[in-house]
Amino acid sequence: MPADLERVRTSRDPADIDALFRQVIAEVVPAGTVQPRWIAGRSELTGVFEGYGAVRDFADWCDATGADPSFEFTAPPEVVLFCRHLLAGHVVHVECVADQRDAEAWFRLNPSGL
């Protein structure tokens, strides 16, 4: 693993960063949990679910990790689903931009919360 860390640190390739975090996080989430695309920030790790099935994958992530989902309404018809929680002692932020109708199939959206 130290050699992988050094390679990722020097290359700073987003695909390498994502692959490294996927490997590490796979050890602390239940087997079979779909992971988002990981992006390393200065102060926290951000995971982004996108594409077909993203809302379901986000919902499954929240169930698997015990994260409490939140949301923000954006330009209609979009909504941003997100959670910020501790995973193996580290703060992670996971999000998904989705069509409101797709999100409502998995979450009860209202102005006072999920």
PDB file of N, CA and C in Angstrom:
ATOM      1  N   MET A   1       0.807  -1.206   0.000  1.00  0.00           N
ATOM      2  CA  MET A   1       0.000   0.000   0.000  1.00  0.00           C
ATOM      3  C   MET A   1       0.851   1.271   0.000  1.00  0.00           C
ATOM      4  N   PRO A   2       1.965   1.350   0.749  1.00  0.00           N
ATOM      5  CA  PRO A   2       2.767   2.576   0.708  1.00  0.00           C
ATOM      6  C   PRO A   2       3.233   2.934  -0.702  1.00  0.00           C
ATOM      7  N   ALA A   3       3.569   1.941  -1.519  1.00  0.00           N
ATOM      8  CA  ALA A   3       3.989   2.229  -2.897  1.00  0.00           C
ATOM      9  C   ALA A   3       2.822   2.815  -3.686  1.00  0.00           C
ATOM     10  N   ASP A   4       1.606   2.292  -3.451  1.00  0.00           N
ATOM     11  CA  ASP A   4       0.415   2.834  -4.117  1.00  0.00           C
ATOM     12  C   ASP A   4       0.182   4.279  -3.710  1.00  0.00           C
ATOM     13  N   LEU A   5       0.339   4.560  -2.426  1.00  0.00           N
ATOM     14  CA  LEU A   5       0.142   5.926  -1.937  1.00  0.00           C
ATOM     15  C   LEU A   5       1.123   6.889  -2.589  1.00  0.00           C
ATOM     16  N   GLU A   6       2.358   6.473  -2.690  1.00  0.00           N
ATOM     17  CA  GLU A   6       3.378   7.338  -3.292  1.00  0.00           C
ATOM     18  C   GLU A   6       3.076   7.581  -4.769  1.00  0.00           C
ATOM     19  N   ARG A   7       2.671   6.537  -5.489  1.00  0.00           N
ATOM     20  CA  ARG A   7       2.345   6.677  -6.907  1.00  0.00           C
ATOM     21  C   ARG A   7       1.175   7.635  -7.091  1.00  0.00           C
ATOM     22  N   VAL A   8       0.139   7.488  -6.269  1.00  0.00           N
ATOM     23  CA  VAL A   8      -1.033   8.364  -6.369  1.00  0.00           C
ATOM     24  C   VAL A   8      -0.660   9.796  -6.000  1.00  0.00           C
ATOM     25  N   ARG A   9       0.155   9.941  -4.963  1.00  0.00           N
ATOM     26  CA  ARG A   9       0.557  11.279  -4.522  1.00  0.00           C
ATOM     27  C   ARG A   9       1.322  12.015  -5.616  1.00  0.00           C
ATOM     28  N   THR A  10       2.200  11.315  -6.290  1.00  0.00           N
ATOM     29  CA  THR A  10       2.998  11.979  -7.318  1.00  0.00           C
ATOM     30  C   THR A  10       2.241  12.172  -8.629  1.00  0.00           C
ATOM     31  N   SER A  11       1.374  11.235  -8.992  1.00  0.00           N
ATOM     32  CA  SER A  11       0.656  11.365 -10.268  1.00  0.00           C
ATOM     33  C   SER A  11      -0.537  12.311 -10.163  1.00  0.00           C
ATOM     34  N   ARG A  12      -1.216  12.302  -9.021  1.00  0.00           N
ATOM     35  CA  ARG A  12      -2.423  13.112  -8.778  1.00  0.00           C
ATOM     36  C   ARG A  12      -3.501  12.853  -9.836  1.00  0.00           C
ATOM     37  N   ASP A  13      -3.459  11.681 -10.444  1.00  0.00           N
ATOM     38  CA  ASP A  13      -4.444  11.283 -11.452  1.00  0.00           C
ATOM     39  C   ASP A  13      -5.762  10.961 -10.747  1.00  0.00           C
ATOM     40  N   PRO A  14      -6.865  11.616 -11.144  1.00  0.00           N
ATOM     41  CA  PRO A  14      -8.159  11.363 -10.492  1.00  0.00           C
ATOM     42  C   PRO A  14      -8.580   9.893 -10.516  1.00  0.00           C
ATOM     43  N   ALA A  15      -8.271   9.174 -11.581  1.00  0.00           N
ATOM     44  CA  ALA A  15      -8.632   7.754 -11.652  1.00  0.00           C
ATOM     45  C   ALA A  15      -7.841   6.939 -10.632  1.00  0.00           C
ATOM     46  N   ASP A  16      -6.575   7.284 -10.431  1.00  0.00           N
ATOM     47  CA  ASP A  16      -5.759   6.593  -9.430  1.00  0.00           C
ATOM     48  C   ASP A  16      -6.258   6.888  -8.022  1.00  0.00           C
ATOM     49  N   ILE A  17      -6.634   8.127  -7.775  1.00  0.00           N
ATOM     50  CA  ILE A  17      -7.167   8.513  -6.461  1.00  0.00           C
ATOM     51  C   ILE A  17      -8.446   7.738  -6.181  1.00  0.00           C
ATOM     52  N   ASP A  18      -9.349   7.705  -7.154  1.00  0.00           N
ATOM     53  CA  ASP A  18     -10.605   6.977  -7.005  1.00  0.00           C
ATOM     54  C   ASP A  18     -10.342   5.503  -6.717  1.00  0.00           C
ATOM     55  N   ALA A  19      -9.452   4.877  -7.484  1.00  0.00           N
ATOM     56  CA  ALA A  19      -9.159   3.451  -7.311  1.00  0.00           C
ATOM     57  C   ALA A  19      -8.580   3.160  -5.930  1.00  0.00           C
ATOM     58  N   LEU A  20      -7.689   4.016  -5.461  1.00  0.00           N
ATOM     59  CA  LEU A  20      -7.086   3.816  -4.148  1.00  0.00           C
ATOM     60  C   LEU A  20      -8.138   3.900  -3.046  1.00  0.00           C
ATOM     61  N   PHE A  21      -8.987   4.922  -3.094  1.00  0.00           N
ATOM     62  CA  PHE A  21     -10.012   5.052  -2.065  1.00  0.00           C
ATOM     63  C   PHE A  21     -11.028   3.918  -2.140  1.00  0.00           C
ATOM     64  N   ARG A  22     -11.374   3.465  -3.336  1.00  0.00           N
ATOM     65  CA  ARG A  22     -12.292   2.330  -3.466  1.00  0.00           C
ATOM     66  C   ARG A  22     -11.727   1.101  -2.757  1.00  0.00           C
ATOM     67  N   GLN A  23     -10.441   0.872  -2.941  1.00  0.00           N
ATOM     68  CA  GLN A  23      -9.782  -0.278  -2.324  1.00  0.00           C
ATOM     69  C   GLN A  23      -9.829  -0.175  -0.800  1.00  0.00           C
ATOM     70  N   VAL A  24      -9.498   0.982  -0.275  1.00  0.00           N
ATOM     71  CA  VAL A  24      -9.467   1.174   1.176  1.00  0.00           C
ATOM     72  C   VAL A  24     -10.879   1.121   1.765  1.00  0.00           C
ATOM     73  N   ILE A  25     -11.831   1.782   1.123  1.00  0.00           N
ATOM     74  CA  ILE A  25     -13.192   1.852   1.653  1.00  0.00           C
ATOM     75  C   ILE A  25     -13.892   0.506   1.561  1.00  0.00           C
ATOM     76  N   ALA A  26     -13.535  -0.315   0.578  1.00  0.00           N
ATOM     77  CA  ALA A  26     -14.134  -1.650   0.459  1.00  0.00           C
ATOM     78  C   ALA A  26     -13.899  -2.478   1.716  1.00  0.00           C
ATOM     79  N   GLU A  27     -12.853  -2.147   2.458  1.00  0.00           N
ATOM     80  CA  GLU A  27     -12.538  -2.883   3.680  1.00  0.00           C
ATOM     81  C   GLU A  27     -13.423  -2.492   4.855  1.00  0.00           C
ATOM     82  N   VAL A  28     -14.140  -1.360   4.760  1.00  0.00           N
ATOM     83  CA  VAL A  28     -14.934  -0.895   5.907  1.00  0.00           C
ATOM     84  C   VAL A  28     -16.430  -0.782   5.626  1.00  0.00           C
ATOM     85  N   VAL A  29     -16.861  -1.075   4.408  1.00  0.00           N
ATOM     86  CA  VAL A  29     -18.298  -1.083   4.106  1.00  0.00           C
ATOM     87  C   VAL A  29     -18.711  -2.525   3.832  1.00  0.00           C
ATOM     88  N   PRO A  30     -19.995  -2.840   4.010  1.00  0.00           N
ATOM     89  CA  PRO A  30     -20.443  -4.211   3.746  1.00  0.00           C
ATOM     90  C   PRO A  30     -20.131  -4.647   2.309  1.00  0.00           C
ATOM     91  N   ALA A  31     -19.804  -5.913   2.154  1.00  0.00           N
ATOM     92  CA  ALA A  31     -19.500  -6.456   0.824  1.00  0.00           C
ATOM     93  C   ALA A  31     -20.666  -6.201  -0.120  1.00  0.00           C
ATOM     94  N   GLY A  32     -20.343  -5.844  -1.342  1.00  0.00           N
ATOM     95  CA  GLY A  32     -21.367  -5.607  -2.348  1.00  0.00           C
ATOM     96  C   GLY A  32     -21.919  -4.195  -2.375  1.00  0.00           C
ATOM     97  N   THR A  33     -21.491  -3.348  -1.441  1.00  0.00           N
ATOM     98  CA  THR A  33     -21.957  -1.963  -1.421  1.00  0.00           C
ATOM     99  C   THR A  33     -21.383  -1.218  -2.625  1.00  0.00           C
ATOM    100  N   VAL A  34     -22.264  -0.623  -3.422  1.00  0.00           N
ATOM    101  CA  VAL A  34     -21.810   0.159  -4.570  1.00  0.00           C
ATOM    102  C   VAL A  34     -21.179   1.444  -4.048  1.00  0.00           C
ATOM    103  N   GLN A  35     -19.992   1.756  -4.536  1.00  0.00           N
ATOM    104  CA  GLN A  35     -19.303   2.966  -4.096  1.00  0.00           C
ATOM    105  C   GLN A  35     -19.452   4.079  -5.127  1.00  0.00           C
ATOM    106  N   PRO A  36     -19.439   5.310  -4.639  1.00  0.00           N
ATOM    107  CA  PRO A  36     -19.448   6.445  -5.565  1.00  0.00           C
ATOM    108  C   PRO A  36     -18.060   6.642  -6.174  1.00  0.00           C
ATOM    109  N   ARG A  37     -17.950   7.601  -7.069  1.00  0.00           N
ATOM    110  CA  ARG A  37     -16.639   8.025  -7.586  1.00  0.00           C
ATOM    111  C   ARG A  37     -16.040   8.921  -6.507  1.00  0.00           C
ATOM    112  N   TRP A  38     -14.820   8.613  -6.082  1.00  0.00           N
ATOM    113  CA  TRP A  38     -14.199   9.344  -4.975  1.00  0.00           C
ATOM    114  C   TRP A  38     -13.307  10.464  -5.477  1.00  0.00           C
ATOM    115  N   ILE A  39     -13.416  11.615  -4.798  1.00  0.00           N
ATOM    116  CA  ILE A  39     -12.616  12.793  -5.112  1.00  0.00           C
ATOM    117  C   ILE A  39     -11.989  13.268  -3.805  1.00  0.00           C
ATOM    118  N   ALA A  40     -10.675  13.396  -3.777  1.00  0.00           N
ATOM    119  CA  ALA A  40      -9.988  13.841  -2.566  1.00  0.00           C
ATOM    120  C   ALA A  40      -9.955  15.356  -2.522  1.00  0.00           C
ATOM    121  N   GLY A  41     -10.494  15.915  -1.448  1.00  0.00           N
ATOM    122  CA  GLY A  41     -10.437  17.354  -1.235  1.00  0.00           C
ATOM    123  C   GLY A  41      -9.393  17.674  -0.190  1.00  0.00           C
ATOM    124  N   ARG A  42      -9.272  18.936   0.134  1.00  0.00           N
ATOM    125  CA  ARG A  42      -8.280  19.337   1.140  1.00  0.00           C
ATOM    126  C   ARG A  42      -8.646  18.857   2.535  1.00  0.00           C
ATOM    127  N   SER A  43      -9.931  18.905   2.871  1.00  0.00           N
ATOM    128  CA  SER A  43     -10.311  18.575   4.239  1.00  0.00           C
ATOM    129  C   SER A  43     -11.207  17.355   4.368  1.00  0.00           C
ATOM    130  N   GLU A  44     -11.765  16.869   3.252  1.00  0.00           N
ATOM    131  CA  GLU A  44     -12.615  15.694   3.349  1.00  0.00           C
ATOM    132  C   GLU A  44     -12.647  14.953   2.023  1.00  0.00           C
ATOM    133  N   LEU A  45     -13.132  13.749   2.099  1.00  0.00           N
ATOM    134  CA  LEU A  45     -13.286  12.906   0.927  1.00  0.00           C
ATOM    135  C   LEU A  45     -14.719  13.046   0.431  1.00  0.00           C
ATOM    136  N   THR A  46     -14.894  13.258  -0.874  1.00  0.00           N
ATOM    137  CA  THR A  46     -16.228  13.408  -1.453  1.00  0.00           C
ATOM    138  C   THR A  46     -16.486  12.266  -2.423  1.00  0.00           C
ATOM    139  N   GLY A  47     -17.647  11.653  -2.264  1.00  0.00           N
ATOM    140  CA  GLY A  47     -18.083  10.605  -3.181  1.00  0.00           C
ATOM    141  C   GLY A  47     -19.268  11.109  -3.979  1.00  0.00           C
ATOM    142  N   VAL A  48     -19.283  10.823  -5.274  1.00  0.00           N
ATOM    143  CA  VAL A  48     -20.353  11.309  -6.144  1.00  0.00           C
ATOM    144  C   VAL A  48     -20.990  10.126  -6.865  1.00  0.00           C
ATOM    145  N   PHE A  49     -22.291   9.952  -6.638  1.00  0.00           N
ATOM    146  CA  PHE A  49     -23.050   8.972  -7.405  1.00  0.00           C
ATOM    147  C   PHE A  49     -23.630   9.694  -8.600  1.00  0.00           C
ATOM    148  N   GLU A  50     -23.472   9.112  -9.779  1.00  0.00           N
ATOM    149  CA  GLU A  50     -23.997   9.742 -10.984  1.00  0.00           C
ATOM    150  C   GLU A  50     -24.391   8.668 -11.987  1.00  0.00           C
ATOM    151  N   GLY A  51     -25.234   9.060 -12.936  1.00  0.00           N
ATOM    152  CA  GLY A  51     -25.645   8.142 -13.983  1.00  0.00           C
ATOM    153  C   GLY A  51     -26.865   7.319 -13.605  1.00  0.00           C
ATOM    154  N   TYR A  52     -27.160   6.336 -14.451  1.00  0.00           N
ATOM    155  CA  TYR A  52     -28.328   5.487 -14.254  1.00  0.00           C
ATOM    156  C   TYR A  52     -28.232   4.746 -12.918  1.00  0.00           C
ATOM    157  N   GLY A  53     -29.283   4.791 -12.138  1.00  0.00           N
ATOM    158  CA  GLY A  53     -29.318   4.098 -10.860  1.00  0.00           C
ATOM    159  C   GLY A  53     -28.647   4.839  -9.723  1.00  0.00           C
ATOM    160  N   ALA A  54     -28.240   6.084  -9.949  1.00  0.00           N
ATOM    161  CA  ALA A  54     -27.497   6.829  -8.930  1.00  0.00           C
ATOM    162  C   ALA A  54     -28.300   7.026  -7.650  1.00  0.00           C
ATOM    163  N   VAL A  55     -29.593   7.311  -7.773  1.00  0.00           N
ATOM    164  CA  VAL A  55     -30.407   7.545  -6.568  1.00  0.00           C
ATOM    165  C   VAL A  55     -30.512   6.264  -5.752  1.00  0.00           C
ATOM    166  N   ARG A  56     -30.746   5.154  -6.426  1.00  0.00           N
ATOM    167  CA  ARG A  56     -30.829   3.877  -5.709  1.00  0.00           C
ATOM    168  C   ARG A  56     -29.492   3.554  -5.039  1.00  0.00           C
ATOM    169  N   ASP A  57     -28.386   3.774  -5.763  1.00  0.00           N
ATOM    170  CA  ASP A  57     -27.068   3.519  -5.184  1.00  0.00           C
ATOM    171  C   ASP A  57     -26.819   4.417  -3.977  1.00  0.00           C
ATOM    172  N   PHE A  58     -27.244   5.683  -4.057  1.00  0.00           N
ATOM    173  CA  PHE A  58     -27.102   6.591  -2.922  1.00  0.00           C
ATOM    174  C   PHE A  58     -27.926   6.081  -1.736  1.00  0.00           C
ATOM    175  N   ALA A  59     -29.162   5.662  -1.990  1.00  0.00           N
ATOM    176  CA  ALA A  59     -30.022   5.130  -0.924  1.00  0.00           C
ATOM    177  C   ALA A  59     -29.395   3.885  -0.298  1.00  0.00           C
ATOM    178  N   ASP A  60     -28.863   2.996  -1.126  1.00  0.00           N
ATOM    179  CA  ASP A  60     -28.206   1.789  -0.615  1.00  0.00           C
ATOM    180  C   ASP A  60     -26.975   2.143   0.214  1.00  0.00           C
ATOM    181  N   TRP A  61     -26.218   3.154  -0.242  1.00  0.00           N
ATOM    182  CA  TRP A  61     -25.037   3.602   0.509  1.00  0.00           C
ATOM    183  C   TRP A  61     -25.454   4.064   1.908  1.00  0.00           C
ATOM    184  N   CYS A  62     -26.491   4.877   1.970  1.00  0.00           N
ATOM    185  CA  CYS A  62     -26.963   5.381   3.264  1.00  0.00           C
ATOM    186  C   CYS A  62     -27.393   4.234   4.171  1.00  0.00           C
ATOM    187  N   ASP A  63     -28.112   3.257   3.621  1.00  0.00           N
ATOM    188  CA  ASP A  63     -28.529   2.093   4.409  1.00  0.00           C
ATOM    189  C   ASP A  63     -27.327   1.293   4.894  1.00  0.00           C
ATOM    190  N   ALA A  64     -26.373   1.055   4.010  1.00  0.00           N
ATOM    191  CA  ALA A  64     -25.217   0.223   4.341  1.00  0.00           C
ATOM    192  C   ALA A  64     -24.293   0.870   5.361  1.00  0.00           C
ATOM    193  N   THR A  65     -24.177   2.187   5.320  1.00  0.00           N
ATOM    194  CA  THR A  65     -23.231   2.879   6.206  1.00  0.00           C
ATOM    195  C   THR A  65     -23.899   3.528   7.413  1.00  0.00           C
ATOM    196  N   GLY A  66     -25.232   3.541   7.435  1.00  0.00           N
ATOM    197  CA  GLY A  66     -25.946   4.186   8.536  1.00  0.00           C
ATOM    198  C   GLY A  66     -25.955   5.699   8.442  1.00  0.00           C
ATOM    199  N   ALA A  67     -25.657   6.227   7.269  1.00  0.00           N
ATOM    200  CA  ALA A  67     -25.629   7.684   7.084  1.00  0.00           C
ATOM    201  C   ALA A  67     -27.046   8.240   7.036  1.00  0.00           C
ATOM    202  N   ASP A  68     -27.226   9.436   7.587  1.00  0.00           N
ATOM    203  CA  ASP A  68     -28.515  10.125   7.534  1.00  0.00           C
ATOM    204  C   ASP A  68     -28.529  11.046   6.318  1.00  0.00           C
ATOM    205  N   PRO A  69     -29.383  10.745   5.332  1.00  0.00           N
ATOM    206  CA  PRO A  69     -29.415  11.575   4.128  1.00  0.00           C
ATOM    207  C   PRO A  69     -30.130  12.897   4.345  1.00  0.00           C
ATOM    208  N   SER A  70     -29.696  13.889   3.609  1.00  0.00           N
ATOM    209  CA  SER A  70     -30.339  15.204   3.582  1.00  0.00           C
ATOM    210  C   SER A  70     -30.508  15.587   2.121  1.00  0.00           C
ATOM    211  N   PHE A  71     -31.136  16.715   1.876  1.00  0.00           N
ATOM    212  CA  PHE A  71     -31.310  17.146   0.498  1.00  0.00           C
ATOM    213  C   PHE A  71     -31.425  18.649   0.425  1.00  0.00           C
ATOM    214  N   GLU A  72     -31.197  19.164  -0.769  1.00  0.00           N
ATOM    215  CA  GLU A  72     -31.409  20.580  -1.080  1.00  0.00           C
ATOM    216  C   GLU A  72     -32.090  20.650  -2.432  1.00  0.00           C
ATOM    217  N   PHE A  73     -33.126  21.473  -2.518  1.00  0.00           N
ATOM    218  CA  PHE A  73     -33.748  21.709  -3.812  1.00  0.00           C
ATOM    219  C   PHE A  73     -32.856  22.664  -4.597  1.00  0.00           C
ATOM    220  N   THR A  74     -32.681  22.393  -5.874  1.00  0.00           N
ATOM    221  CA  THR A  74     -31.910  23.275  -6.753  1.00  0.00           C
ATOM    222  C   THR A  74     -32.837  23.715  -7.877  1.00  0.00           C
ATOM    223  N   ALA A  75     -32.275  24.048  -9.011  1.00  0.00           N
ATOM    224  CA  ALA A  75     -33.110  24.452 -10.149  1.00  0.00           C
ATOM    225  C   ALA A  75     -34.019  23.288 -10.543  1.00  0.00           C
ATOM    226  N   PRO A  76     -35.330  23.533 -10.595  1.00  0.00           N
ATOM    227  CA  PRO A  76     -36.253  22.444 -10.937  1.00  0.00           C
ATOM    228  C   PRO A  76     -35.865  21.825 -12.279  1.00  0.00           C
ATOM    229  N   PRO A  77     -35.957  20.548 -12.404  1.00  0.00           N
ATOM    230  CA  PRO A  77     -36.535  19.577 -11.471  1.00  0.00           C
ATOM    231  C   PRO A  77     -35.486  18.858 -10.624  1.00  0.00           C
ATOM    232  N   GLU A  78     -34.307  19.448 -10.429  1.00  0.00           N
ATOM    233  CA  GLU A  78     -33.234  18.749  -9.728  1.00  0.00           C
ATOM    234  C   GLU A  78     -33.262  18.949  -8.219  1.00  0.00           C
ATOM    235  N   VAL A  79     -32.691  17.957  -7.558  1.00  0.00           N
ATOM    236  CA  VAL A  79     -32.497  17.991  -6.119  1.00  0.00           C
ATOM    237  C   VAL A  79     -31.118  17.373  -5.852  1.00  0.00           C
ATOM    238  N   VAL A  80     -30.429  17.886  -4.835  1.00  0.00           N
ATOM    239  CA  VAL A  80     -29.141  17.317  -4.441  1.00  0.00           C
ATOM    240  C   VAL A  80     -29.362  16.507  -3.175  1.00  0.00           C
ATOM    241  N   LEU A  81     -29.089  15.225  -3.250  1.00  0.00           N
ATOM    242  CA  LEU A  81     -29.126  14.347  -2.084  1.00  0.00           C
ATOM    243  C   LEU A  81     -27.703  14.280  -1.548  1.00  0.00           C
ATOM    244  N   PHE A  82     -27.543  14.325  -0.237  1.00  0.00           N
ATOM    245  CA  PHE A  82     -26.191  14.264   0.310  1.00  0.00           C
ATOM    246  C   PHE A  82     -26.202  13.725   1.728  1.00  0.00           C
ATOM    247  N   CYS A  83     -25.046  13.258   2.160  1.00  0.00           N
ATOM    248  CA  CYS A  83     -24.842  12.870   3.552  1.00  0.00           C
ATOM    249  C   CYS A  83     -23.387  13.146   3.889  1.00  0.00           C
ATOM    250  N   ARG A  84     -23.157  13.525   5.106  1.00  0.00           N
ATOM    251  CA  ARG A  84     -21.798  13.744   5.619  1.00  0.00           C
ATOM    252  C   ARG A  84     -21.728  12.923   6.902  1.00  0.00           C
ATOM    253  N   HIS A  85     -20.777  12.016   6.954  1.00  0.00           N
ATOM    254  CA  HIS A  85     -20.708  11.141   8.121  1.00  0.00           C
ATOM    255  C   HIS A  85     -19.295  10.616   8.310  1.00  0.00           C
ATOM    256  N   LEU A  86     -19.090   9.947   9.439  1.00  0.00           N
ATOM    257  CA  LEU A  86     -17.795   9.339   9.722  1.00  0.00           C
ATOM    258  C   LEU A  86     -17.767   7.933   9.149  1.00  0.00           C
ATOM    259  N   LEU A  87     -16.692   7.608   8.490  1.00  0.00           N
ATOM    260  CA  LEU A  87     -16.487   6.270   7.959  1.00  0.00           C
ATOM    261  C   LEU A  87     -15.073   5.871   8.341  1.00  0.00           C
ATOM    262  N   ALA A  88     -14.964   4.876   9.201  1.00  0.00           N
ATOM    263  CA  ALA A  88     -13.662   4.433   9.711  1.00  0.00           C
ATOM    264  C   ALA A  88     -12.887   5.595  10.323  1.00  0.00           C
ATOM    265  N   GLY A  89     -13.606   6.489  11.012  1.00  0.00           N
ATOM    266  CA  GLY A  89     -12.978   7.605  11.699  1.00  0.00           C
ATOM    267  C   GLY A  89     -12.667   8.814  10.842  1.00  0.00           C
ATOM    268  N   HIS A  90     -13.065   8.801   9.584  1.00  0.00           N
ATOM    269  CA  HIS A  90     -12.797   9.917   8.675  1.00  0.00           C
ATOM    270  C   HIS A  90     -14.103  10.492   8.155  1.00  0.00           C
ATOM    271  N   VAL A  91     -14.152  11.807   8.006  1.00  0.00           N
ATOM    272  CA  VAL A  91     -15.344  12.463   7.478  1.00  0.00           C
ATOM    273  C   VAL A  91     -15.408  12.245   5.968  1.00  0.00           C
ATOM    274  N   VAL A  92     -16.551  11.744   5.509  1.00  0.00           N
ATOM    275  CA  VAL A  92     -16.790  11.614   4.072  1.00  0.00           C
ATOM    276  C   VAL A  92     -18.083  12.341   3.738  1.00  0.00           C
ATOM    277  N   HIS A  93     -18.120  12.906   2.561  1.00  0.00           N
ATOM    278  CA  HIS A  93     -19.309  13.595   2.054  1.00  0.00           C
ATOM    279  C   HIS A  93     -19.701  12.853   0.782  1.00  0.00           C
ATOM    280  N   VAL A  94     -20.941  12.378   0.730  1.00  0.00           N
ATOM    281  CA  VAL A  94     -21.421  11.645  -0.440  1.00  0.00           C
ATOM    282  C   VAL A  94     -22.634  12.382  -0.981  1.00  0.00           C
ATOM    283  N   GLU A  95     -22.701  12.520  -2.305  1.00  0.00           N
ATOM    284  CA  GLU A  95     -23.817  13.269  -2.889  1.00  0.00           C
ATOM    285  C   GLU A  95     -24.278  12.660  -4.203  1.00  0.00           C
ATOM    286  N   CYS A  96     -25.465  13.100  -4.596  1.00  0.00           N
ATOM    287  CA  CYS A  96     -26.081  12.643  -5.832  1.00  0.00           C
ATOM    288  C   CYS A  96     -27.018  13.740  -6.314  1.00  0.00           C
ATOM    289  N   VAL A  97     -26.811  14.228  -7.530  1.00  0.00           N
ATOM    290  CA  VAL A  97     -27.732  15.193  -8.132  1.00  0.00           C
ATOM    291  C   VAL A  97     -28.722  14.375  -8.950  1.00  0.00           C
ATOM    292  N   ALA A  98     -30.017  14.582  -8.681  1.00  0.00           N
ATOM    293  CA  ALA A  98     -31.028  13.741  -9.324  1.00  0.00           C
ATOM    294  C   ALA A  98     -32.269  14.537  -9.689  1.00  0.00           C
ATOM    295  N   ASP A  99     -33.036  13.977 -10.579  1.00  0.00           N
ATOM    296  CA  ASP A  99     -34.356  14.504 -10.891  1.00  0.00           C
ATOM    297  C   ASP A  99     -35.230  14.295  -9.653  1.00  0.00           C
ATOM    298  N   GLN A 100     -36.008  15.294  -9.299  1.00  0.00           N
ATOM    299  CA  GLN A 100     -36.820  15.218  -8.086  1.00  0.00           C
ATOM    300  C   GLN A 100     -37.730  13.991  -8.092  1.00  0.00           C
ATOM    301  N   ARG A 101     -38.317  13.663  -9.241  1.00  0.00           N
ATOM    302  CA  ARG A 101     -39.202  12.490  -9.301  1.00  0.00           C
ATOM    303  C   ARG A 101     -38.449  11.204  -8.991  1.00  0.00           C
ATOM    304  N   ASP A 102     -37.229  11.074  -9.493  1.00  0.00           N
ATOM    305  CA  ASP A 102     -36.426   9.886  -9.189  1.00  0.00           C
ATOM    306  C   ASP A 102     -36.111   9.820  -7.697  1.00  0.00           C
ATOM    307  N   ALA A 103     -35.754  10.956  -7.121  1.00  0.00           N
ATOM    308  CA  ALA A 103     -35.425  11.001  -5.693  1.00  0.00           C
ATOM    309  C   ALA A 103     -36.638  10.656  -4.833  1.00  0.00           C
ATOM    310  N   GLU A 104     -37.816  11.124  -5.246  1.00  0.00           N
ATOM    311  CA  GLU A 104     -39.028  10.859  -4.463  1.00  0.00           C
ATOM    312  C   GLU A 104     -39.422   9.392  -4.475  1.00  0.00           C
ATOM    313  N   ALA A 105     -38.908   8.621  -5.417  1.00  0.00           N
ATOM    314  CA  ALA A 105     -39.169   7.184  -5.419  1.00  0.00           C
ATOM    315  C   ALA A 105     -38.456   6.489  -4.259  1.00  0.00           C
ATOM    316  N   TRP A 106     -37.384   7.100  -3.744  1.00  0.00           N
ATOM    317  CA  TRP A 106     -36.588   6.501  -2.668  1.00  0.00           C
ATOM    318  C   TRP A 106     -36.652   7.285  -1.366  1.00  0.00           C
ATOM    319  N   PHE A 107     -36.934   8.573  -1.456  1.00  0.00           N
ATOM    320  CA  PHE A 107     -36.928   9.441  -0.278  1.00  0.00           C
ATOM    321  C   PHE A 107     -38.192  10.288  -0.251  1.00  0.00           C
ATOM    322  N   ARG A 108     -38.650  10.596   0.938  1.00  0.00           N
ATOM    323  CA  ARG A 108     -39.783  11.511   1.093  1.00  0.00           C
ATOM    324  C   ARG A 108     -39.209  12.914   1.226  1.00  0.00           C
ATOM    325  N   LEU A 109     -39.336  13.702   0.180  1.00  0.00           N
ATOM    326  CA  LEU A 109     -38.762  15.042   0.169  1.00  0.00           C
ATOM    327  C   LEU A 109     -39.813  16.050   0.598  1.00  0.00           C
ATOM    328  N   ASN A 110     -39.458  16.863   1.549  1.00  0.00           N
ATOM    329  CA  ASN A 110     -40.315  17.980   1.941  1.00  0.00           C
ATOM    330  C   ASN A 110     -39.421  19.066   2.514  1.00  0.00           C
ATOM    331  N   PRO A 111     -39.901  20.298   2.585  1.00  0.00           N
ATOM    332  CA  PRO A 111     -39.052  21.400   3.051  1.00  0.00           C
ATOM    333  C   PRO A 111     -38.490  21.232   4.460  1.00  0.00           C
ATOM    334  N   SER A 112     -39.085  20.375   5.289  1.00  0.00           N
ATOM    335  CA  SER A 112     -38.595  20.223   6.658  1.00  0.00           C
ATOM    336  C   SER A 112     -37.594  19.083   6.808  1.00  0.00           C
ATOM    337  N   GLY A 113     -37.276  18.392   5.733  1.00  0.00           N
ATOM    338  CA  GLY A 113     -36.274  17.331   5.808  1.00  0.00           C
ATOM    339  C   GLY A 113     -36.742  16.057   5.150  1.00  0.00           C
ATOM    340  N   LEU A 114     -35.880  15.014   5.194  1.00  0.00           N
ATOM    341  CA  LEU A 114     -36.214  13.725   4.573  1.00  0.00           C
ATOM    342  C   LEU A 114     -37.125  12.919   5.458  1.00  0.00           C
TER     343      LEU A 114
END
